[in-house]
PDB file of N, CA and C in Angstrom:
ATOM      1  N   MET A   1      17.945   1.941  22.778  1.00  0.00           N
ATOM      2  CA  MET A   1      16.645   1.568  23.345  1.00  0.00           C
ATOM      3  C   MET A   1      15.733   0.980  22.391  1.00  0.00           C
ATOM      4  N   THR A   2      15.268  -0.133  22.622  1.00  0.00           N
ATOM      5  CA  THR A   2      14.399  -0.922  21.797  1.00  0.00           C
ATOM      6  C   THR A   2      13.080  -0.811  22.346  1.00  0.00           C
ATOM      7  N   ASN A   3      12.079  -0.948  21.389  1.00  0.00           N
ATOM      8  CA  ASN A   3      10.499  -1.141  21.790  1.00  0.00           C
ATOM      9  C   ASN A   3      10.195  -2.566  21.698  1.00  0.00           C
ATOM     10  N   GLU A   4       9.747  -3.063  22.866  1.00  0.00           N
ATOM     11  CA  GLU A   4       9.322  -4.375  22.957  1.00  0.00           C
ATOM     12  C   GLU A   4       7.780  -4.472  22.659  1.00  0.00           C
ATOM     13  N   CYS A   5       7.306  -4.488  21.587  1.00  0.00           N
ATOM     14  CA  CYS A   5       5.937  -4.546  21.190  1.00  0.00           C
ATOM     15  C   CYS A   5       5.567  -5.991  20.604  1.00  0.00           C
ATOM     16  N   HIS A   6       4.627  -6.535  21.192  1.00  0.00           N
ATOM     17  CA  HIS A   6       4.155  -7.873  20.494  1.00  0.00           C
ATOM     18  C   HIS A   6       2.834  -7.762  19.931  1.00  0.00           C
ATOM     19  N   ASP A   7       2.173  -6.687  20.029  1.00  0.00           N
ATOM     20  CA  ASP A   7       0.809  -6.534  19.432  1.00  0.00           C
ATOM     21  C   ASP A   7       0.711  -5.678  18.416  1.00  0.00           C
ATOM     22  N   ASN A   8       1.823  -5.350  17.852  1.00  0.00           N
ATOM     23  CA  ASN A   8       1.929  -4.271  16.648  1.00  0.00           C
ATOM     24  C   ASN A   8       1.435  -2.893  16.812  1.00  0.00           C
ATOM     25  N   SER A   9       1.021  -2.467  18.107  1.00  0.00           N
ATOM     26  CA  SER A   9       0.616  -1.248  18.416  1.00  0.00           C
ATOM     27  C   SER A   9       1.665  -0.076  18.354  1.00  0.00           C
ATOM     28  N   CYS A  10       2.845  -0.492  18.473  1.00  0.00           N
ATOM     29  CA  CYS A  10       3.894   0.574  18.479  1.00  0.00           C
ATOM     30  C   CYS A  10       4.682   0.597  17.364  1.00  0.00           C
ATOM     31  N   ARG A  11       4.489  -0.283  16.342  1.00  0.00           N
ATOM     32  CA  ARG A  11       5.277  -0.406  15.116  1.00  0.00           C
ATOM     33  C   ARG A  11       4.851   0.913  14.309  1.00  0.00           C
ATOM     34  N   LYS A  12       5.842   1.579  13.696  1.00  0.00           N
ATOM     35  CA  LYS A  12       5.593   2.696  12.789  1.00  0.00           C
ATOM     36  C   LYS A  12       6.555   2.611  11.701  1.00  0.00           C
ATOM     37  N   SER A  13       6.264   3.115  10.597  1.00  0.00           N
ATOM     38  CA  SER A  13       7.013   3.394   9.428  1.00  0.00           C
ATOM     39  C   SER A  13       7.764   4.673   9.490  1.00  0.00           C
ATOM     40  N   HIS A  14       8.999   4.848   8.915  1.00  0.00           N
ATOM     41  CA  HIS A  14       9.613   5.924   8.812  1.00  0.00           C
ATOM     42  C   HIS A  14      10.166   6.220   7.457  1.00  0.00           C
ATOM     43  N   HIS A  15       9.185   6.811   6.732  1.00  0.00           N
ATOM     44  CA  HIS A  15       9.272   7.073   5.254  1.00  0.00           C
ATOM     45  C   HIS A  15      10.001   8.413   5.173  1.00  0.00           C
ATOM     46  N   PRO A  16      11.014   8.505   4.251  1.00  0.00           N
ATOM     47  CA  PRO A  16      11.496   9.768   3.867  1.00  0.00           C
ATOM     48  C   PRO A  16      10.413  10.714   3.449  1.00  0.00           C
ATOM     49  N   GLU A  17      10.669  11.921   3.696  1.00  0.00           N
ATOM     50  CA  GLU A  17       9.648  13.042   3.286  1.00  0.00           C
ATOM     51  C   GLU A  17       9.116  12.876   1.897  1.00  0.00           C
ATOM     52  N   GLN A  18      10.028  12.746   1.070  1.00  0.00           N
ATOM     53  CA  GLN A  18       9.763  12.667  -0.445  1.00  0.00           C
ATOM     54  C   GLN A  18       8.924  11.479  -0.732  1.00  0.00           C
ATOM     55  N   VAL A  19       9.191  10.419  -0.191  1.00  0.00           N
ATOM     56  CA  VAL A  19       8.510   9.150  -0.417  1.00  0.00           C
ATOM     57  C   VAL A  19       7.071   9.317   0.222  1.00  0.00           C
ATOM     58  N   LYS A  20       7.025   9.934   1.307  1.00  0.00           N
ATOM     59  CA  LYS A  20       5.613  10.163   1.895  1.00  0.00           C
ATOM     60  C   LYS A  20       4.658  11.062   1.013  1.00  0.00           C
ATOM     61  N   LYS A  21       5.295  12.189   0.469  1.00  0.00           N
ATOM     62  CA  LYS A  21       4.697  13.027  -0.401  1.00  0.00           C
ATOM     63  C   LYS A  21       4.202  12.400  -1.677  1.00  0.00           C
ATOM     64  N   ASP A  22       5.089  11.370  -2.131  1.00  0.00           N
ATOM     65  CA  ASP A  22       4.737  10.715  -3.392  1.00  0.00           C
ATOM     66  C   ASP A  22       3.588   9.744  -3.072  1.00  0.00           C
ATOM     67  N   LEU A  23       3.612   9.103  -1.948  1.00  0.00           N
ATOM     68  CA  LEU A  23       2.496   8.173  -1.505  1.00  0.00           C
ATOM     69  C   LEU A  23       1.233   8.900  -1.372  1.00  0.00           C
ATOM     70  N   ILE A  24       1.234  10.101  -0.685  1.00  0.00           N
ATOM     71  CA  ILE A  24      -0.002  10.843  -0.538  1.00  0.00           C
ATOM     72  C   ILE A  24      -0.550  11.325  -1.877  1.00  0.00           C
ATOM     73  N   THR A  25       0.356  11.707  -2.779  1.00  0.00           N
ATOM     74  CA  THR A  25      -0.016  12.147  -4.150  1.00  0.00           C
ATOM     75  C   THR A  25      -0.858  11.009  -4.896  1.00  0.00           C
ATOM     76  N   ARG A  26      -0.233   9.796  -4.767  1.00  0.00           N
ATOM     77  CA  ARG A  26      -0.623   8.600  -5.365  1.00  0.00           C
ATOM     78  C   ARG A  26      -2.083   8.246  -4.766  1.00  0.00           C
ATOM     79  N   LEU A  27      -2.176   8.347  -3.515  1.00  0.00           N
ATOM     80  CA  LEU A  27      -3.456   8.026  -2.826  1.00  0.00           C
ATOM     81  C   LEU A  27      -4.596   9.131  -3.063  1.00  0.00           C
ATOM     82  N   ASN A  28      -4.142  10.368  -3.186  1.00  0.00           N
ATOM     83  CA  ASN A  28      -5.003  11.376  -3.521  1.00  0.00           C
ATOM     84  C   ASN A  28      -5.615  11.213  -4.963  1.00  0.00           C
ATOM     85  N   ARG A  29      -4.796  10.653  -5.839  1.00  0.00           N
ATOM     86  CA  ARG A  29      -5.205  10.513  -7.208  1.00  0.00           C
ATOM     87  C   ARG A  29      -6.213   9.320  -7.272  1.00  0.00           C
ATOM     88  N   ALA A  30      -5.980   8.220  -6.519  1.00  0.00           N
ATOM     89  CA  ALA A  30      -6.802   7.040  -6.248  1.00  0.00           C
ATOM     90  C   ALA A  30      -8.140   7.508  -5.666  1.00  0.00           C
ATOM     91  N   GLU A  31      -8.089   8.371  -4.754  1.00  0.00           N
ATOM     92  CA  GLU A  31      -9.344   8.743  -3.994  1.00  0.00           C
ATOM     93  C   GLU A  31     -10.053   9.605  -5.020  1.00  0.00           C
ATOM     94  N   GLY A  32      -9.570  10.453  -5.914  1.00  0.00           N
ATOM     95  CA  GLY A  32     -10.236  11.253  -6.893  1.00  0.00           C
ATOM     96  C   GLY A  32     -10.921  10.285  -7.837  1.00  0.00           C
ATOM     97  N   GLN A  33     -10.258   9.296  -8.271  1.00  0.00           N
ATOM     98  CA  GLN A  33     -10.786   8.253  -9.308  1.00  0.00           C
ATOM     99  C   GLN A  33     -11.999   7.565  -8.626  1.00  0.00           C
ATOM    100  N   ILE A  34     -11.834   7.213  -7.375  1.00  0.00           N
ATOM    101  CA  ILE A  34     -12.980   6.530  -6.584  1.00  0.00           C
ATOM    102  C   ILE A  34     -14.144   7.470  -6.687  1.00  0.00           C
ATOM    103  N   ARG A  35     -14.033   8.716  -6.361  1.00  0.00           N
ATOM    104  CA  ARG A  35     -15.069   9.628  -6.269  1.00  0.00           C
ATOM    105  C   ARG A  35     -15.756   9.767  -7.866  1.00  0.00           C
ATOM    106  N   GLY A  36     -14.803   9.751  -8.788  1.00  0.00           N
ATOM    107  CA  GLY A  36     -15.280   9.799 -10.155  1.00  0.00           C
ATOM    108  C   GLY A  36     -16.119   8.557 -10.609  1.00  0.00           C
ATOM    109  N   ILE A  37     -15.669   7.463 -10.139  1.00  0.00           N
ATOM    110  CA  ILE A  37     -16.306   6.180 -10.399  1.00  0.00           C
ATOM    111  C   ILE A  37     -17.746   6.258  -9.703  1.00  0.00           C
ATOM    112  N   LYS A  38     -17.839   6.646  -8.499  1.00  0.00           N
ATOM    113  CA  LYS A  38     -19.080   6.876  -7.868  1.00  0.00           C
ATOM    114  C   LYS A  38     -20.066   7.687  -8.610  1.00  0.00           C
ATOM    115  N   GLY A  39     -19.527   8.869  -9.128  1.00  0.00           N
ATOM    116  CA  GLY A  39     -20.421   9.704  -9.967  1.00  0.00           C
ATOM    117  C   GLY A  39     -20.723   9.010 -11.276  1.00  0.00           C
ATOM    118  N   MET A  40     -19.956   8.200 -11.751  1.00  0.00           N
ATOM    119  CA  MET A  40     -20.238   7.494 -13.036  1.00  0.00           C
ATOM    120  C   MET A  40     -21.479   6.535 -12.735  1.00  0.00           C
ATOM    121  N   VAL A  41     -21.374   5.804 -11.602  1.00  0.00           N
ATOM    122  CA  VAL A  41     -22.410   4.946 -11.277  1.00  0.00           C
ATOM    123  C   VAL A  41     -23.811   5.725 -11.110  1.00  0.00           C
ATOM    124  N   GLU A  42     -23.719   6.798 -10.286  1.00  0.00           N
ATOM    125  CA  GLU A  42     -24.770   7.612 -10.070  1.00  0.00           C
ATOM    126  C   GLU A  42     -25.532   8.172 -11.365  1.00  0.00           C
ATOM    127  N   LYS A  43     -24.669   8.320 -12.444  1.00  0.00           N
ATOM    128  CA  LYS A  43     -25.210   9.018 -13.702  1.00  0.00           C
ATOM    129  C   LYS A  43     -25.394   7.832 -14.686  1.00  0.00           C
ATOM    130  N   ASP A  44     -25.379   6.574 -14.165  1.00  0.00           N
ATOM    131  CA  ASP A  44     -25.613   5.456 -15.144  1.00  0.00           C
ATOM    132  C   ASP A  44     -24.778   5.318 -16.284  1.00  0.00           C
ATOM    133  N   VAL A  45     -23.592   5.591 -16.197  1.00  0.00           N
ATOM    134  CA  VAL A  45     -22.587   5.633 -17.192  1.00  0.00           C
ATOM    135  C   VAL A  45     -22.407   4.171 -17.684  1.00  0.00           C
ATOM    136  N   TYR A  46     -22.100   4.019 -18.915  1.00  0.00           N
ATOM    137  CA  TYR A  46     -22.046   2.562 -19.585  1.00  0.00           C
ATOM    138  C   TYR A  46     -20.978   1.824 -18.737  1.00  0.00           C
ATOM    139  N   CYS A  47     -21.312   0.645 -18.584  1.00  0.00           N
ATOM    140  CA  CYS A  47     -20.709  -0.318 -17.513  1.00  0.00           C
ATOM    141  C   CYS A  47     -19.157  -0.519 -17.957  1.00  0.00           C
ATOM    142  N   ASP A  48     -18.917  -0.613 -19.184  1.00  0.00           N
ATOM    143  CA  ASP A  48     -17.622  -0.855 -19.620  1.00  0.00           C
ATOM    144  C   ASP A  48     -16.667   0.392 -19.361  1.00  0.00           C
ATOM    145  N   ASP A  49     -17.290   1.603 -19.482  1.00  0.00           N
ATOM    146  CA  ASP A  49     -16.561   2.713 -19.116  1.00  0.00           C
ATOM    147  C   ASP A  49     -16.181   2.748 -17.591  1.00  0.00           C
ATOM    148  N   ILE A  50     -17.136   2.283 -16.783  1.00  0.00           N
ATOM    149  CA  ILE A  50     -16.914   2.221 -15.281  1.00  0.00           C
ATOM    150  C   ILE A  50     -15.679   1.195 -15.049  1.00  0.00           C
ATOM    151  N   ILE A  51     -15.938   0.262 -15.690  1.00  0.00           N
ATOM    152  CA  ILE A  51     -14.865  -0.862 -15.530  1.00  0.00           C
ATOM    153  C   ILE A  51     -13.471  -0.429 -15.935  1.00  0.00           C
ATOM    154  N   THR A  52     -13.419   0.424 -16.945  1.00  0.00           N
ATOM    155  CA  THR A  52     -12.092   0.856 -17.252  1.00  0.00           C
ATOM    156  C   THR A  52     -11.499   1.726 -16.285  1.00  0.00           C
ATOM    157  N   GLN A  53     -12.386   2.541 -15.675  1.00  0.00           N
ATOM    158  CA  GLN A  53     -11.894   3.400 -14.646  1.00  0.00           C
ATOM    159  C   GLN A  53     -11.483   2.662 -13.301  1.00  0.00           C
ATOM    160  N   LEU A  54     -12.298   1.572 -13.088  1.00  0.00           N
ATOM    161  CA  LEU A  54     -11.907   0.774 -11.870  1.00  0.00           C
ATOM    162  C   LEU A  54     -10.519   0.179 -12.130  1.00  0.00           C
ATOM    163  N   SER A  55     -10.202  -0.283 -13.436  1.00  0.00           N
ATOM    164  CA  SER A  55      -8.922  -0.802 -13.615  1.00  0.00           C
ATOM    165  C   SER A  55      -7.829   0.208 -13.403  1.00  0.00           C
ATOM    166  N   ALA A  56      -8.060   1.382 -13.835  1.00  0.00           N
ATOM    167  CA  ALA A  56      -7.078   2.467 -13.590  1.00  0.00           C
ATOM    168  C   ALA A  56      -6.891   2.791 -12.200  1.00  0.00           C
ATOM    169  N   THR A  57      -8.012   2.679 -11.463  1.00  0.00           N
ATOM    170  CA  THR A  57      -7.859   2.900 -10.020  1.00  0.00           C
ATOM    171  C   THR A  57      -7.074   1.774  -9.225  1.00  0.00           C
ATOM    172  N   GLN A  58      -7.350   0.510  -9.699  1.00  0.00           N
ATOM    173  CA  GLN A  58      -6.590  -0.700  -9.128  1.00  0.00           C
ATOM    174  C   GLN A  58      -5.170  -0.491  -9.487  1.00  0.00           C
ATOM    175  N   SER A  59      -4.780  -0.064 -10.699  1.00  0.00           N
ATOM    176  CA  SER A  59      -3.316   0.236 -11.033  1.00  0.00           C
ATOM    177  C   SER A  59      -2.680   1.199 -10.098  1.00  0.00           C
ATOM    178  N   ALA A  60      -3.458   2.259  -9.858  1.00  0.00           N
ATOM    179  CA  ALA A  60      -2.994   3.440  -9.024  1.00  0.00           C
ATOM    180  C   ALA A  60      -2.706   2.843  -7.623  1.00  0.00           C
ATOM    181  N   LEU A  61      -3.559   2.174  -7.114  1.00  0.00           N
ATOM    182  CA  LEU A  61      -3.364   1.498  -5.814  1.00  0.00           C
ATOM    183  C   LEU A  61      -2.256   0.404  -5.707  1.00  0.00           C
ATOM    184  N   ASN A  62      -2.077  -0.317  -6.769  1.00  0.00           N
ATOM    185  CA  ASN A  62      -0.976  -1.202  -6.911  1.00  0.00           C
ATOM    186  C   ASN A  62       0.387  -0.531  -6.987  1.00  0.00           C
ATOM    187  N   SER A  63       0.450   0.603  -7.578  1.00  0.00           N
ATOM    188  CA  SER A  63       1.599   1.541  -7.575  1.00  0.00           C
ATOM    189  C   SER A  63       1.979   1.957  -6.102  1.00  0.00           C
ATOM    190  N   VAL A  64       0.920   2.289  -5.418  1.00  0.00           N
ATOM    191  CA  VAL A  64       1.219   2.644  -3.855  1.00  0.00           C
ATOM    192  C   VAL A  64       1.782   1.431  -3.212  1.00  0.00           C
ATOM    193  N   ALA A  65       1.175   0.236  -3.325  1.00  0.00           N
ATOM    194  CA  ALA A  65       1.656  -0.941  -2.654  1.00  0.00           C
ATOM    195  C   ALA A  65       3.020  -1.232  -3.119  1.00  0.00           C
ATOM    196  N   LYS A  66       3.389  -1.020  -4.290  1.00  0.00           N
ATOM    197  CA  LYS A  66       4.872  -1.338  -4.922  1.00  0.00           C
ATOM    198  C   LYS A  66       5.804  -0.327  -4.072  1.00  0.00           C
ATOM    199  N   VAL A  67       5.519   0.816  -3.927  1.00  0.00           N
ATOM    200  CA  VAL A  67       6.300   1.795  -3.373  1.00  0.00           C
ATOM    201  C   VAL A  67       6.472   1.417  -1.825  1.00  0.00           C
ATOM    202  N   LEU A  68       5.386   1.061  -1.220  1.00  0.00           N
ATOM    203  CA  LEU A  68       5.452   0.665   0.185  1.00  0.00           C
ATOM    204  C   LEU A  68       6.234  -0.605   0.360  1.00  0.00           C
ATOM    205  N   LEU A  69       6.020  -1.576  -0.409  1.00  0.00           N
ATOM    206  CA  LEU A  69       6.719  -2.904  -0.386  1.00  0.00           C
ATOM    207  C   LEU A  69       8.181  -2.675  -0.544  1.00  0.00           C
ATOM    208  N   ASN A  70       8.646  -1.736  -1.537  1.00  0.00           N
ATOM    209  CA  ASN A  70      10.036  -1.558  -1.595  1.00  0.00           C
ATOM    210  C   ASN A  70      10.646  -0.924  -0.421  1.00  0.00           C
ATOM    211  N   GLY A  71       9.907   0.022   0.047  1.00  0.00           N
ATOM    212  CA  GLY A  71      10.526   0.734   1.245  1.00  0.00           C
ATOM    213  C   GLY A  71      10.488  -0.322   2.449  1.00  0.00           C
ATOM    214  N   HIS A  72       9.413  -1.087   2.573  1.00  0.00           N
ATOM    215  CA  HIS A  72       9.343  -2.139   3.657  1.00  0.00           C
ATOM    216  C   HIS A  72      10.525  -3.070   3.528  1.00  0.00           C
ATOM    217  N   LEU A  73      10.755  -3.480   2.343  1.00  0.00           N
ATOM    218  CA  LEU A  73      11.898  -4.588   2.183  1.00  0.00           C
ATOM    219  C   LEU A  73      13.252  -3.809   2.644  1.00  0.00           C
ATOM    220  N   LYS A  74      13.542  -2.539   1.980  1.00  0.00           N
ATOM    221  CA  LYS A  74      14.866  -2.029   2.136  1.00  0.00           C
ATOM    222  C   LYS A  74      15.093  -1.359   3.548  1.00  0.00           C
ATOM    223  N   GLY A  75      13.945  -1.230   4.448  1.00  0.00           N
ATOM    224  CA  GLY A  75      13.961  -0.516   5.753  1.00  0.00           C
ATOM    225  C   GLY A  75      13.638  -1.563   6.831  1.00  0.00           C
ATOM    226  N   CYS A  76      12.360  -1.669   7.013  1.00  0.00           N
ATOM    227  CA  CYS A  76      11.874  -2.484   8.109  1.00  0.00           C
ATOM    228  C   CYS A  76      12.278  -3.951   8.129  1.00  0.00           C
ATOM    229  N   VAL A  77      12.238  -4.594   6.890  1.00  0.00           N
ATOM    230  CA  VAL A  77      12.481  -6.020   6.931  1.00  0.00           C
ATOM    231  C   VAL A  77      14.133  -6.126   7.092  1.00  0.00           C
ATOM    232  N   LYS A  78      14.886  -5.351   6.338  1.00  0.00           N
ATOM    233  CA  LYS A  78      16.262  -5.360   6.462  1.00  0.00           C
ATOM    234  C   LYS A  78      16.730  -5.154   8.035  1.00  0.00           C
ATOM    235  N   ASP A  79      16.191  -4.073   8.612  1.00  0.00           N
ATOM    236  CA  ASP A  79      16.532  -3.841   9.856  1.00  0.00           C
ATOM    237  C   ASP A  79      16.224  -4.903  10.785  1.00  0.00           C
ATOM    238  N   ARG A  80      14.943  -5.434  10.789  1.00  0.00           N
ATOM    239  CA  ARG A  80      14.625  -6.505  11.685  1.00  0.00           C
ATOM    240  C   ARG A  80      15.422  -7.711  11.337  1.00  0.00           C
ATOM    241  N   LEU A  81      15.848  -8.041  10.177  1.00  0.00           N
ATOM    242  CA  LEU A  81      16.563  -9.258   9.973  1.00  0.00           C
ATOM    243  C   LEU A  81      18.009  -9.037  10.572  1.00  0.00           C
ATOM    244  N   ALA A  82      18.460  -7.851  10.520  1.00  0.00           N
ATOM    245  CA  ALA A  82      19.905  -7.566  11.068  1.00  0.00           C
ATOM    246  C   ALA A  82      19.819  -7.582  12.570  1.00  0.00           C
ATOM    247  N   GLU A  83      18.624  -7.345  13.142  1.00  0.00           N
ATOM    248  CA  GLU A  83      18.552  -7.574  14.677  1.00  0.00           C
ATOM    249  C   GLU A  83      18.174  -8.885  15.115  1.00  0.00           C
ATOM    250  N   GLY A  84      18.160  -9.867  14.072  1.00  0.00           N
ATOM    251  CA  GLY A  84      17.951 -11.274  14.337  1.00  0.00           C
ATOM    252  C   GLY A  84      16.437 -11.637  14.465  1.00  0.00           C
ATOM    253  N   ASP A  85      15.542 -10.928  13.994  1.00  0.00           N
ATOM    254  CA  ASP A  85      14.149 -10.966  14.028  1.00  0.00           C
ATOM    255  C   ASP A  85      13.673 -11.797  12.735  1.00  0.00           C
ATOM    256  N   ASP A  86      13.805 -13.030  12.682  1.00  0.00           N
ATOM    257  CA  ASP A  86      13.382 -13.798  11.595  1.00  0.00           C
ATOM    258  C   ASP A  86      11.901 -13.927  11.350  1.00  0.00           C
ATOM    259  N   GLU A  87      11.044 -13.574  12.473  1.00  0.00           N
ATOM    260  CA  GLU A  87       9.589 -13.574  12.226  1.00  0.00           C
ATOM    261  C   GLU A  87       9.241 -12.551  11.221  1.00  0.00           C
ATOM    262  N   VAL A  88       9.970 -11.535  10.827  1.00  0.00           N
ATOM    263  CA  VAL A  88       9.744 -10.761   9.859  1.00  0.00           C
ATOM    264  C   VAL A  88       9.404 -11.408   8.488  1.00  0.00           C
ATOM    265  N   LEU A  89      10.093 -12.478   8.416  1.00  0.00           N
ATOM    266  CA  LEU A  89       9.874 -13.311   7.022  1.00  0.00           C
ATOM    267  C   LEU A  89       8.552 -13.803   6.996  1.00  0.00           C
ATOM    268  N   ASP A  90       7.989 -14.326   7.967  1.00  0.00           N
ATOM    269  CA  ASP A  90       6.694 -14.856   7.947  1.00  0.00           C
ATOM    270  C   ASP A  90       5.688 -13.881   7.683  1.00  0.00           C
ATOM    271  N   GLU A  91       5.865 -12.600   8.398  1.00  0.00           N
ATOM    272  CA  GLU A  91       5.037 -11.418   8.065  1.00  0.00           C
ATOM    273  C   GLU A  91       5.164 -11.065   6.615  1.00  0.00           C
ATOM    274  N   LEU A  92       6.371 -11.050   6.160  1.00  0.00           N
ATOM    275  CA  LEU A  92       6.466 -10.614   4.707  1.00  0.00           C
ATOM    276  C   LEU A  92       5.850 -11.641   3.822  1.00  0.00           C
ATOM    277  N   ILE A  93       5.884 -12.764   3.918  1.00  0.00           N
ATOM    278  CA  ILE A  93       5.211 -13.901   3.248  1.00  0.00           C
ATOM    279  C   ILE A  93       3.686 -13.647   3.178  1.00  0.00           C
ATOM    280  N   THR A  94       3.129 -13.421   4.402  1.00  0.00           N
ATOM    281  CA  THR A  94       1.694 -13.166   4.539  1.00  0.00           C
ATOM    282  C   THR A  94       1.294 -11.852   3.624  1.00  0.00           C
ATOM    283  N   THR A  95       2.162 -10.898   3.758  1.00  0.00           N
ATOM    284  CA  THR A  95       1.849  -9.550   3.005  1.00  0.00           C
ATOM    285  C   THR A  95       1.889  -9.835   1.566  1.00  0.00           C
ATOM    286  N   ILE A  96       2.848 -10.481   1.103  1.00  0.00           N
ATOM    287  CA  ILE A  96       3.006 -10.828  -0.338  1.00  0.00           C
ATOM    288  C   ILE A  96       1.718 -11.615  -0.699  1.00  0.00           C
ATOM    289  N   GLN A  97       1.308 -12.583   0.014  1.00  0.00           N
ATOM    290  CA  GLN A  97       0.097 -13.284  -0.342  1.00  0.00           C
ATOM    291  C   GLN A  97      -1.133 -12.553  -0.505  1.00  0.00           C
ATOM    292  N   LYS A  98      -1.148 -11.531   0.395  1.00  0.00           N
ATOM    293  CA  LYS A  98      -2.359 -10.587   0.401  1.00  0.00           C
ATOM    294  C   LYS A  98      -2.273  -9.833  -0.827  1.00  0.00           C
ATOM    295  N   LEU A  99      -1.078  -9.305  -1.283  1.00  0.00           N
ATOM    296  CA  LEU A  99      -0.939  -8.652  -2.406  1.00  0.00           C
ATOM    297  C   LEU A  99      -1.308  -9.478  -3.714  1.00  0.00           C
ATOM    298  N   MET A 100      -0.903 -10.644  -3.697  1.00  0.00           N
ATOM    299  CA  MET A 100      -1.119 -11.581  -4.769  1.00  0.00           C
ATOM    300  C   MET A 100      -2.529 -11.936  -5.062  1.00  0.00           C
ATOM    301  N   ARG A 101      -3.448 -11.801  -4.077  1.00  0.00           N
ATOM    302  CA  ARG A 101      -4.770 -12.203  -4.146  1.00  0.00           C
ATOM    303  C   ARG A 101      -5.521 -11.074  -5.030  1.00  0.00           C
ATOM    304  N   LYS A 102      -4.919 -10.109  -5.270  1.00  0.00           N
ATOM    305  CA  LYS A 102      -5.586  -9.054  -6.111  1.00  0.00           C
ATOM    306  C   LYS A 102      -5.476  -9.193  -7.534  1.00  0.00           C
TER     307      LYS A 102
END
């Protein structure tokens, strides 16, 4: 039974539980870093120190993106190509371009 969705509304990821836990841990860490940065701004912390924390947060978010991209390539993209859905390649190119803008 296949889902015929053309508006992306029914597409879902199916991450293994351990990957999902890892992603949530990484996102929680980034969320805490963001709250810390907000507090630094409110306390008028030296700009360079805030920028250092922003850089660390960006690295944390990039690590989430790498985990997701890896799973996407090995799961979703591989499966859709096997089903003959070459449109996934255009979608992947767009996704990679979005990641490279950062």
